[in-house]
Protein backbone atom coordinates (compact mmCIF):
# COMPACT_ATOMS: atom_id res chain seq x y z
CA MET A 1 98.01 107.18 58.21
CA SER A 2 97.35 106.06 61.88
CA GLN A 3 98.86 103.13 63.25
CA THR A 4 96.27 99.99 63.40
CA ALA A 5 96.39 98.40 66.95
CA ASP A 6 97.53 94.64 66.94
CA TRP A 7 94.12 92.77 67.05
CA ARG A 8 95.92 89.24 67.23
CA PRO A 9 95.84 87.15 70.20
CA SER A 10 98.70 87.36 72.68
CA ALA A 11 98.81 83.53 73.19
CA ALA A 12 99.57 81.03 70.24
CA LEU A 13 96.61 78.49 69.56
CA PRO A 14 98.59 75.47 70.91
CA ALA A 15 98.66 77.49 74.43
CA LEU A 16 95.06 78.16 74.11
CA ARG A 17 94.27 74.46 73.47
CA LEU A 18 96.17 73.56 76.52
CA ARG A 19 94.55 76.03 78.64
CA ALA A 20 91.19 74.53 77.77
CA GLU A 21 92.36 71.01 78.62
CA LEU A 22 93.61 72.15 81.74
CA LEU A 23 90.44 73.77 82.90
CA SER A 24 88.67 70.71 81.91
CA ALA A 25 91.22 68.71 83.98
CA THR A 26 90.56 70.93 86.79
CA ARG A 27 86.90 70.30 86.71
CA ALA A 28 87.38 66.58 86.32
CA PHE A 29 89.59 66.75 89.37
CA PHE A 30 87.00 68.20 91.82
CA ALA A 31 84.05 66.36 90.34
CA ALA A 32 85.87 63.13 91.06
CA ARG A 33 85.99 64.45 94.80
CA GLY A 34 82.44 65.67 94.95
CA VAL A 35 83.33 69.48 95.24
CA LEU A 36 80.54 71.46 93.77
CA GLU A 37 81.50 74.19 91.13
CA VAL A 38 79.90 77.81 92.15
CA ASP A 39 80.00 80.97 90.36
CA THR A 40 79.69 84.00 92.31
CA PRO A 41 79.48 87.66 91.07
CA ALA A 42 82.77 89.54 89.73
CA LEU A 43 81.11 92.93 90.36
CA VAL A 44 80.93 93.33 94.23
CA ARG A 45 79.95 96.20 96.76
CA HIS A 46 83.03 96.21 98.64
CA ALA A 47 87.03 96.50 97.91
CA VAL A 48 89.35 94.33 100.26
CA THR A 49 91.04 96.27 102.96
CA ASP A 50 94.29 94.19 102.30
CA VAL A 51 97.13 96.55 102.09
CA HIS A 52 98.74 94.81 99.10
CA ILE A 53 95.60 94.55 96.85
CA ASP A 54 94.52 97.44 94.82
CA CYS A 55 90.64 96.92 93.83
CA ALA A 56 89.19 98.33 90.48
CA SER A 57 86.24 100.50 90.82
CA VAL A 58 83.39 100.51 88.65
CA GLN A 59 80.79 103.36 88.21
CA LEU A 60 77.61 101.77 86.61
CA PRO A 61 74.73 104.22 85.30
CA GLY A 62 72.01 104.27 87.80
CA HIS A 63 74.02 103.26 90.86
CA GLY A 64 75.34 106.13 93.22
CA ALA A 65 77.87 104.26 95.06
CA PRO A 66 81.04 102.77 93.30
CA LEU A 67 80.96 99.06 92.76
CA TYR A 68 84.23 97.02 92.57
CA LEU A 69 85.59 94.20 90.44
CA HIS A 70 86.41 91.24 92.81
CA SER A 71 90.27 90.67 93.47
CA SER A 72 89.11 87.04 94.53
CA PRO A 73 85.73 85.07 95.12
CA GLU A 74 86.81 84.43 98.87
CA TYR A 75 84.21 86.44 100.53
CA ALA A 76 81.10 85.44 98.52
CA MET A 77 82.25 81.90 98.80
CA LYS A 78 82.75 81.92 102.56
CA ARG A 79 79.20 83.32 102.62
CA LEU A 80 77.98 80.21 100.57
CA LEU A 81 79.72 77.81 103.36
CA ALA A 82 78.24 79.82 105.97
CA ALA A 83 74.71 78.93 104.27
CA GLY A 84 75.64 75.17 104.10
CA SER A 85 76.96 74.78 100.55
CA GLY A 86 79.52 72.25 101.73
CA ASP A 87 82.85 71.94 99.58
CA ILE A 88 83.11 74.26 96.84
CA TYR A 89 85.39 75.42 94.19
CA GLN A 90 85.46 78.32 91.48
CA ILE A 91 87.39 79.02 88.48
CA ALA A 92 87.20 82.77 88.34
CA HIS A 93 88.63 85.74 86.44
CA VAL A 94 89.66 88.27 89.05
CA PHE A 95 91.18 91.92 88.90
CA ARG A 96 93.88 93.98 90.72
CA GLY A 97 95.38 97.35 89.99
CA ASN A 98 98.95 98.19 89.72
CA GLU A 99 99.70 94.60 88.62
CA VAL A 100 101.43 94.45 85.04
CA SER A 101 104.84 92.50 84.91
CA PRO A 102 105.89 89.28 83.16
CA LEU A 103 103.92 87.37 85.98
CA HIS A 104 101.13 89.86 86.44
CA ASN A 105 98.24 90.79 84.49
CA PRO A 106 95.52 92.94 85.95
CA GLU A 107 92.85 90.43 84.92
CA PHE A 108 93.84 86.85 85.79
CA THR A 109 92.18 83.51 86.63
CA LEU A 110 92.52 81.91 90.16
CA ILE A 111 91.21 78.18 91.00
CA GLU A 112 90.03 78.77 94.43
CA TRP A 113 88.27 76.16 96.56
CA TYR A 114 87.21 75.26 100.14
CA ARG A 115 87.09 71.90 102.03
CA CYS A 116 85.26 71.35 104.93
CA GLY A 117 86.91 69.73 107.81
CA PHE A 118 90.25 69.83 106.24
CA THR A 119 93.53 70.64 108.36
CA LEU A 120 96.48 72.91 106.70
CA ARG A 121 98.24 69.81 105.84
CA ALA A 122 95.60 67.91 104.30
CA LEU A 123 94.80 70.76 101.82
CA MET A 124 98.42 71.21 101.25
CA ALA A 125 98.42 67.52 100.03
CA GLU A 126 95.28 68.18 97.61
CA VAL A 127 96.94 71.40 96.38
CA GLY A 128 100.02 69.21 95.51
CA GLU A 129 97.99 66.59 93.77
CA LEU A 130 96.20 69.07 91.74
CA ALA A 131 99.15 71.07 90.74
CA SER A 132 101.29 68.15 90.04
CA GLN A 133 98.59 67.04 87.65
CA LEU A 134 98.35 70.10 85.70
CA LEU A 135 102.04 70.85 85.61
CA ALA A 136 102.51 67.04 84.40
CA LEU A 137 105.34 66.57 86.98
CA PRO A 138 106.99 62.97 87.25
CA SER A 139 105.89 60.98 90.00
CA ALA A 140 109.40 61.04 91.67
CA ALA A 141 109.55 64.89 91.60
CA PRO A 142 109.98 66.15 95.18
CA VAL A 143 107.41 67.80 97.16
CA GLN A 144 108.92 69.89 99.92
CA TYR A 145 107.07 71.28 103.22
CA CYS A 146 108.97 73.61 105.40
CA SER A 147 107.84 76.10 107.99
CA TYR A 148 108.47 79.84 107.33
CA ALA A 149 110.98 80.13 110.39
CA GLN A 150 112.85 76.91 109.28
CA LEU A 151 113.25 78.48 105.55
CA PHE A 152 114.41 81.74 106.97
CA GLU A 153 117.10 80.14 109.17
CA ARG A 154 118.19 77.89 106.15
CA GLU A 155 118.30 80.52 103.57
CA VAL A 156 119.59 83.70 105.46
CA GLY A 157 120.42 82.52 108.86
CA LEU A 158 117.93 84.47 110.63
CA ASP A 159 114.72 83.44 112.89
CA PRO A 160 111.82 85.66 111.33
CA LEU A 161 109.77 85.43 114.41
CA CYS A 162 112.26 86.65 117.01
CA ALA A 163 115.10 88.73 115.18
CA SER A 164 114.93 92.43 115.85
CA ASP A 165 113.93 94.93 113.42
CA ALA A 166 117.35 96.36 113.32
CA ALA A 167 118.85 92.94 112.42
CA LEU A 168 116.17 92.50 109.80
CA ARG A 169 117.15 95.76 108.15
CA ALA A 170 120.85 94.95 108.58
CA LEU A 171 120.54 91.57 106.83
CA ALA A 172 118.36 93.19 104.12
CA ILE A 173 121.15 95.69 103.21
CA THR A 174 123.59 93.02 103.27
CA HIS A 175 121.48 91.37 100.47
CA ARG A 176 121.33 94.48 98.45
CA LEU A 177 118.25 96.32 99.71
CA ASP A 178 118.74 100.02 99.13
CA ALA A 179 119.59 101.31 102.91
CA PRO A 180 117.11 104.19 102.93
CA VAL A 181 114.45 102.04 101.56
CA ALA A 182 115.52 99.34 104.34
CA GLN A 183 115.29 102.23 107.14
CA ARG A 184 111.42 102.98 105.79
CA CYS A 185 110.32 99.52 105.65
CA THR A 186 108.01 98.04 108.32
CA ARG A 187 109.01 94.62 109.75
CA ASP A 188 106.40 92.86 107.41
CA GLU A 189 107.44 94.69 104.58
CA LEU A 190 110.98 93.73 105.15
CA LEU A 191 109.94 89.92 105.38
CA ASP A 192 108.00 90.28 102.53
CA TRP A 193 111.02 91.51 100.47
CA PHE A 194 112.93 88.55 101.53
CA MET A 195 110.55 86.29 100.34
CA GLY A 196 109.92 88.04 97.16
CA SER A 197 113.70 88.79 96.38
CA VAL A 198 115.90 86.37 98.25
CA ILE A 199 114.28 83.34 99.26
CA GLY A 200 111.05 82.71 96.99
CA PRO A 201 113.08 82.56 93.79
CA ARG A 202 115.41 79.50 95.24
CA LEU A 203 112.21 77.50 95.86
CA GLY A 204 110.67 74.56 94.10
CA GLY A 205 113.43 74.26 91.43
CA ASP A 206 112.78 70.59 90.85
CA GLY A 207 109.40 70.11 92.16
CA LEU A 208 106.77 71.80 94.68
CA CYS A 209 107.90 73.57 97.65
CA PHE A 210 105.23 74.12 100.39
CA VAL A 211 106.02 77.05 102.96
CA HIS A 212 103.65 77.01 105.92
CA HIS A 213 103.03 78.72 109.37
CA TYR A 214 103.78 82.25 108.33
CA PRO A 215 104.20 84.99 111.16
CA ALA A 216 101.15 86.01 112.85
CA SER A 217 101.15 89.61 111.67
CA GLN A 218 100.64 88.09 107.96
CA ALA A 219 97.53 85.77 109.02
CA ALA A 220 95.16 87.74 106.72
CA LEU A 221 92.25 85.48 107.00
CA ALA A 222 93.83 82.75 108.55
CA ARG A 223 93.54 81.30 111.97
CA LEU A 224 96.30 81.53 114.52
CA ASP A 225 98.00 78.21 115.45
CA PRO A 226 96.20 77.36 118.77
CA GLN A 227 99.63 75.68 119.60
CA ASP A 228 101.69 78.63 118.81
CA PRO A 229 100.12 82.01 118.40
CA LEU A 230 103.43 83.59 116.87
CA VAL A 231 102.45 81.91 113.64
CA ALA A 232 99.20 81.61 111.40
CA LEU A 233 97.83 78.39 109.87
CA ARG A 234 98.67 79.83 106.38
CA PHE A 235 100.96 78.39 103.48
CA GLU A 236 102.27 79.48 100.05
CA LEU A 237 103.28 77.31 97.29
CA TYR A 238 106.11 77.63 95.14
CA ALA A 239 107.60 76.07 92.06
CA HIS A 240 110.51 77.06 89.93
CA GLY A 241 110.74 80.18 92.31
CA ILE A 242 107.34 81.19 91.52
CA GLU A 243 104.51 81.69 94.07
CA LEU A 244 101.48 79.66 92.96
CA ALA A 245 99.11 79.27 96.00
CA ASN A 246 98.01 80.81 99.11
CA GLY A 247 96.08 78.78 101.55
CA PHE A 248 94.55 79.21 104.94
CA GLU A 249 92.79 77.23 107.71
CA GLU A 250 90.07 79.60 107.65
CA LEU A 251 89.25 82.37 110.39
CA ALA A 252 85.78 81.95 111.60
CA ASP A 253 85.90 84.42 114.65
CA ALA A 254 83.81 87.64 113.16
CA ALA A 255 85.22 89.87 116.18
CA GLN A 256 88.72 88.84 115.44
CA GLN A 257 88.27 89.35 111.53
CA ARG A 258 86.95 92.76 112.23
CA SER A 259 89.83 93.80 114.36
CA ARG A 260 92.07 92.67 111.53
CA PHE A 261 90.19 94.61 108.78
CA GLU A 262 90.54 97.67 111.24
CA LEU A 263 94.08 97.23 111.07
CA ASP A 264 94.39 96.96 107.67
CA ARG A 265 92.37 100.10 107.30
CA ARG A 266 94.83 102.17 109.52
CA GLU A 267 97.84 100.65 107.58
CA ARG A 268 96.18 101.71 104.23
CA SER A 269 95.60 105.34 105.73
CA ARG A 270 99.00 105.57 106.85
CA ARG A 271 100.09 104.77 103.50
CA ALA A 272 97.75 107.14 102.01
CA LEU A 273 95.98 104.46 99.77
CA GLY A 274 92.40 104.81 100.88
CA ALA A 275 90.57 102.84 103.64
CA PRO A 276 87.43 100.81 102.05
CA ALA A 277 84.66 100.10 104.30
CA ILE A 278 84.44 96.70 105.98
CA ASP A 279 82.45 94.11 104.03
CA GLU A 280 79.76 93.62 106.94
CA ALA A 281 78.05 90.81 104.70
CA LEU A 282 81.17 88.60 105.26
CA LEU A 283 81.21 89.56 109.13
CA SER A 284 77.70 88.60 109.49
CA ALA A 285 78.09 85.16 107.58
CA LEU A 286 81.09 84.56 110.09
CA SER A 287 78.86 85.22 113.13
CA ALA A 288 76.18 83.32 111.60
CA GLY A 289 78.76 80.11 111.69
CA LEU A 290 81.38 79.14 109.17
CA PRO A 291 82.12 75.55 109.37
CA SER A 292 85.73 74.41 109.95
CA VAL A 293 87.15 74.84 106.65
CA SER A 294 90.40 75.31 104.98
CA GLY A 295 90.80 77.23 101.74
CA VAL A 296 93.24 78.00 98.93
CA ALA A 297 93.74 80.10 95.84
CA LEU A 298 95.72 78.82 92.93
CA GLY A 299 96.94 80.99 90.12
CA PHE A 300 96.12 79.09 86.88
CA ASP A 301 97.84 81.56 84.52
CA ARG A 302 101.15 81.12 86.36
CA LEU A 303 100.78 77.45 86.44
CA LEU A 304 100.28 77.25 82.72
CA MET A 305 103.13 79.53 82.26
CA LEU A 306 105.32 76.91 83.99
CA ARG A 307 104.07 74.07 82.09
CA LEU A 308 104.62 75.72 78.86
CA GLY A 309 108.08 77.34 79.88
CA ALA A 310 106.52 80.76 79.20
CA ALA A 311 108.61 83.76 80.07
CA HIS A 312 105.55 86.27 80.05
CA ILE A 313 101.99 85.78 81.34
CA GLY A 314 100.75 87.34 78.16
CA GLN A 315 101.65 84.11 76.28
CA VAL A 316 99.14 81.98 78.18
CA LEU A 317 96.05 84.54 77.81
CA PRO A 318 93.90 84.99 74.90
CA PHE A 319 94.48 88.73 75.02
CA ALA A 320 96.94 90.20 77.72
CA PHE A 321 96.42 93.83 79.10
CA ASP A 322 97.83 95.55 76.01
CA ARG A 323 95.70 93.80 73.58
CA ALA A 324 92.36 93.74 75.75
């Protein structure tokens, strides 16, 4: 007799009801601020070049070239911004390969939004308002703001912007990173390991913690700080040791963005990950003129996990990956 697959939802019905309530509250939050909800395609013509993201390809009958499930609605939303949309947000299902863990599902939900004329600090404040509301944090819950460099100096006693690669490797080994692995890691891989394994889990234990001004080498699609080109106008949000959001003052320079994409492609080739073609539609939109804008992606499923005290992301999804 064959074994029957489990057809039941991975989340309990109370979790699904709360999920619906928080999605409704999110829409009310943005409606009160006059931010337009948009709905861009999940199926797109270009994978991203980011070395940390694996996009899922799709072969549709009748289309010669493969298409991709988007890993974020960012590129399409920036094209809308360049076309004059003004402030926009989207609640989007997004897709990323090689991501299955208690905190990762290959398909998950992002709340992504863009605010014209907002500084990084203004956007962090708004993110804090929405996250505090959805997490039902008490009004007295602390909200901390700490620069990336200050955080490293406080937590591991090292300046991440100026320390040598050798000093970073030696410190990583003292924090129990396997020595041969540490020797193979690039500088940014070592910094990411510290944030993911040593520092990040300590952040936001009783409230929210914003980490801002990341190293310029980790700028991604963010502007560099005109006052200090060693750092980028980028932040992440942590609560209970979990990363919830990633935000930028957005880079509007098409030539600089192209250069970063090419660096990504070379690094992906070095790692034998494949080098996707650059999304020329995005660069054309930047060339046409992106307004001064800051944007952020907030992980809705992780936020709901924290609200419920869930140990696994499947507990807040109607059907996790193993039951999809």
